[in-house]
Amino acid sequence: MSEGRPRSLVLVNTGHGKGKSTAAFGVVMRAVARGWRVCVIQFIKSDKWRVGEEQVARQLGVEWLKGGDGFTWESPDLDESAGRAAAAWQLAAAAIAGGEYELVVLDEVTYPINYGWIDGGAVVGAIRDRPAHVYVVATGRDAPPELIDVADTVTEMVKVKHVYDRGVRARRGIDF
């Protein structure tokens, strides 16, 4: 990092509207295009989910880790879900602190924070104390105030209308 380069930024995408992760993955593509090393940690999605962004990102050299076991309302064992989230946080904390990556995406990190599965103070501390060149994007509904406080840019996605409300299921290529 050059002497005159400004400190990295923290972005938070939150709210109940669609597009939080999608926006984060757009930042991933920009970073890769600039030659950055990038790591994505997904806190909710499991290996069963085959999202299109993951396939392309891996082809481009992005480190992509899934720490979840699916959506909590589908989980047969919430203690296991909590344990997986805690393990994913350990990987994320190391990715942030290690300085190997210029961009670390914490996808859906707000959920395990809000469920009490990972310590929000530890997440905020790791982000606040990150190496100066490491950018962080955090996503998920209901971002806790301390995460909003440590962020440089916070975007709230607002649902105006959503096809799911009419019972239409997620579509490959549009939603995942």
Protein backbone atom coordinates (compact mmCIF):
# COMPACT_ATOMS: atom_id res chain seq x y z
CA MET A 1 0.00 0.00 0.00
CA SER A 2 1.39 3.37 -0.96
CA GLU A 3 1.89 6.11 1.60
CA GLY A 4 -0.79 8.36 0.11
CA ARG A 5 -3.48 5.72 -0.43
CA PRO A 6 -6.55 6.28 1.75
CA ARG A 7 -7.73 3.65 4.20
CA SER A 8 -10.08 0.99 2.88
CA LEU A 9 -13.85 1.24 3.29
CA VAL A 10 -16.58 -0.81 4.91
CA LEU A 11 -19.90 -1.23 3.09
CA VAL A 12 -23.08 -2.64 4.64
CA ASN A 13 -26.05 -3.75 2.53
CA THR A 14 -29.10 -4.26 4.73
CA GLY A 15 -32.88 -4.03 4.66
CA HIS A 16 -35.76 -6.30 3.69
CA GLY A 17 -35.56 -5.70 -0.05
CA LYS A 18 -33.92 -7.92 -2.66
CA GLY A 19 -30.36 -7.28 -3.79
CA LYS A 20 -28.10 -7.15 -0.72
CA SER A 21 -25.87 -10.06 -1.72
CA THR A 22 -26.23 -9.30 -5.42
CA ALA A 23 -24.82 -5.81 -4.84
CA ALA A 24 -21.95 -7.26 -2.82
CA PHE A 25 -21.14 -9.70 -5.62
CA GLY A 26 -21.04 -6.78 -8.04
CA VAL A 27 -18.30 -5.28 -5.86
CA VAL A 28 -16.54 -8.66 -6.01
CA MET A 29 -16.51 -8.46 -9.82
CA ARG A 30 -15.13 -4.91 -9.74
CA ALA A 31 -12.39 -5.92 -7.30
CA VAL A 32 -11.40 -8.95 -9.38
CA ALA A 33 -11.27 -6.74 -12.48
CA ARG A 34 -8.74 -4.56 -10.63
CA GLY A 35 -6.56 -7.53 -9.77
CA TRP A 36 -7.53 -7.71 -6.09
CA ARG A 37 -7.50 -10.91 -4.04
CA VAL A 38 -11.06 -11.54 -2.86
CA CYS A 39 -12.69 -13.81 -0.28
CA VAL A 40 -16.43 -14.39 0.17
CA ILE A 41 -17.72 -16.05 3.33
CA GLN A 42 -21.41 -17.03 3.29
CA PHE A 43 -22.87 -17.44 6.76
CA ILE A 44 -26.26 -18.94 5.86
CA LYS A 45 -26.03 -20.64 2.47
CA SER A 46 -24.93 -24.26 2.53
CA ASP A 47 -23.16 -26.44 -0.02
CA LYS A 48 -26.61 -27.44 -1.31
CA TRP A 49 -27.04 -23.94 -2.77
CA ARG A 50 -25.41 -23.54 -6.17
CA VAL A 51 -25.50 -19.81 -6.78
CA GLY A 52 -24.38 -18.60 -10.19
CA GLU A 53 -22.13 -15.90 -8.73
CA GLU A 54 -20.09 -18.53 -6.89
CA GLN A 55 -19.36 -20.51 -10.05
CA VAL A 56 -18.12 -17.46 -11.95
CA ALA A 57 -16.24 -16.03 -8.96
CA ARG A 58 -14.36 -19.30 -8.38
CA GLN A 59 -13.37 -19.35 -12.06
CA LEU A 60 -11.94 -15.86 -11.53
CA GLY A 61 -9.91 -16.94 -8.49
CA VAL A 62 -12.19 -15.78 -5.68
CA GLU A 63 -11.92 -17.79 -2.47
CA TRP A 64 -15.55 -18.76 -1.67
CA LEU A 65 -16.44 -20.37 1.65
CA LYS A 66 -19.87 -21.51 2.81
CA GLY A 67 -20.27 -21.68 6.55
CA GLY A 68 -24.00 -22.20 6.83
CA ASP A 69 -26.23 -25.22 6.68
CA GLY A 70 -29.14 -23.55 4.97
CA PHE A 71 -31.86 -21.21 6.09
CA THR A 72 -32.55 -21.37 9.82
CA TRP A 73 -36.22 -22.17 9.31
CA GLU A 74 -35.09 -25.32 7.44
CA SER A 75 -32.42 -26.35 9.96
CA PRO A 76 -33.06 -29.60 11.84
CA ASP A 77 -30.45 -28.65 14.48
CA LEU A 78 -30.01 -24.99 15.45
CA ASP A 79 -27.06 -25.84 17.71
CA GLU A 80 -25.25 -27.21 14.67
CA SER A 81 -26.22 -24.10 12.71
CA ALA A 82 -24.78 -21.93 15.47
CA GLY A 83 -21.58 -23.98 15.51
CA ARG A 84 -21.19 -23.67 11.75
CA ALA A 85 -21.70 -19.91 11.98
CA ALA A 86 -19.05 -19.67 14.72
CA ALA A 87 -16.61 -21.68 12.59
CA ALA A 88 -17.36 -19.47 9.58
CA TRP A 89 -16.68 -16.41 11.73
CA GLN A 90 -13.26 -17.80 12.70
CA LEU A 91 -12.42 -18.14 8.99
CA ALA A 92 -13.75 -14.65 8.30
CA ALA A 93 -11.84 -13.08 11.18
CA ALA A 94 -8.62 -14.69 9.93
CA ALA A 95 -9.33 -13.54 6.36
CA ILE A 96 -9.84 -9.96 7.53
CA ALA A 97 -6.87 -9.82 9.93
CA GLY A 98 -4.46 -11.73 7.69
CA GLY A 99 -4.29 -9.01 5.06
CA GLU A 100 -4.04 -11.55 2.23
CA TYR A 101 -7.23 -10.23 0.65
CA GLU A 102 -8.04 -6.72 -0.47
CA LEU A 103 -11.78 -7.48 -0.25
CA VAL A 104 -13.62 -9.71 2.21
CA VAL A 105 -17.38 -10.18 1.81
CA LEU A 106 -19.32 -11.29 4.88
CA ASP A 107 -22.50 -12.45 3.18
CA GLU A 108 -25.53 -12.69 5.48
CA VAL A 109 -23.39 -12.03 8.56
CA THR A 110 -26.17 -10.06 10.26
CA TYR A 111 -28.23 -13.19 10.88
CA PRO A 112 -25.77 -15.07 13.13
CA ILE A 113 -24.99 -11.80 14.91
CA ASN A 114 -28.69 -11.14 15.58
CA TYR A 115 -29.29 -14.78 16.61
CA GLY A 116 -26.46 -14.51 19.15
CA TRP A 117 -24.44 -17.22 17.40
CA ILE A 118 -21.45 -14.95 16.89
CA ASP A 119 -20.40 -11.95 18.94
CA GLY A 120 -21.32 -8.72 17.18
CA GLY A 121 -18.66 -6.90 19.17
CA ALA A 122 -16.01 -9.28 17.86
CA VAL A 123 -17.22 -8.76 14.29
CA VAL A 124 -17.13 -4.98 14.68
CA GLY A 125 -13.72 -5.16 16.37
CA ALA A 126 -12.24 -7.25 13.57
CA ILE A 127 -13.62 -4.86 10.97
CA ARG A 128 -12.45 -1.77 12.87
CA ASP A 129 -8.95 -3.22 13.45
CA ARG A 130 -8.49 -4.61 9.93
CA PRO A 131 -5.35 -3.88 7.94
CA ALA A 132 -5.65 -0.52 6.17
CA HIS A 133 -5.88 -2.10 2.68
CA VAL A 134 -8.67 -4.60 3.45
CA TYR A 135 -12.14 -3.55 2.28
CA VAL A 136 -15.15 -5.29 3.84
CA VAL A 137 -18.70 -5.70 2.56
CA ALA A 138 -21.25 -7.07 5.04
CA THR A 139 -24.78 -8.08 4.07
CA GLY A 140 -28.02 -9.17 5.69
CA ARG A 141 -31.31 -7.91 7.06
CA ASP A 142 -31.51 -5.88 10.24
CA ALA A 143 -27.86 -4.82 10.48
CA PRO A 144 -27.14 -4.17 14.15
CA PRO A 145 -26.37 -0.56 15.14
CA GLU A 146 -22.72 -1.31 15.97
CA LEU A 147 -22.18 -2.70 12.45
CA ILE A 148 -23.82 0.36 10.94
CA ASP A 149 -21.60 2.59 13.12
CA VAL A 150 -18.35 0.98 11.91
CA ALA A 151 -19.43 1.18 8.24
CA ASP A 152 -18.49 3.97 5.85
CA THR A 153 -21.44 3.36 3.53
CA VAL A 154 -24.74 1.74 4.48
CA THR A 155 -27.40 0.96 1.91
CA GLU A 156 -30.85 -0.19 2.92
CA MET A 157 -32.73 -2.22 0.34
CA VAL A 158 -36.45 -1.55 0.67
CA LYS A 159 -39.05 -3.97 -0.62
CA VAL A 160 -41.68 -2.15 -2.62
CA LYS A 161 -43.10 -5.27 -4.26
CA HIS A 162 -41.81 -8.84 -4.45
CA VAL A 163 -42.97 -11.75 -6.58
CA TYR A 164 -42.39 -14.17 -3.65
CA ASP A 165 -45.39 -12.58 -1.95
CA ARG A 166 -47.53 -14.12 -4.72
CA GLY A 167 -46.00 -17.55 -4.10
CA VAL A 168 -43.55 -17.47 -7.02
CA ARG A 169 -40.39 -19.38 -6.15
CA ALA A 170 -36.80 -18.18 -6.68
CA ARG A 171 -35.63 -18.46 -10.29
CA ARG A 172 -32.26 -19.76 -11.41
CA GLY A 173 -30.32 -17.01 -13.18
CA ILE A 174 -32.33 -14.22 -11.54
CA ASP A 175 -32.38 -15.08 -7.84
CA PHE A 176 -29.49 -17.54 -7.55
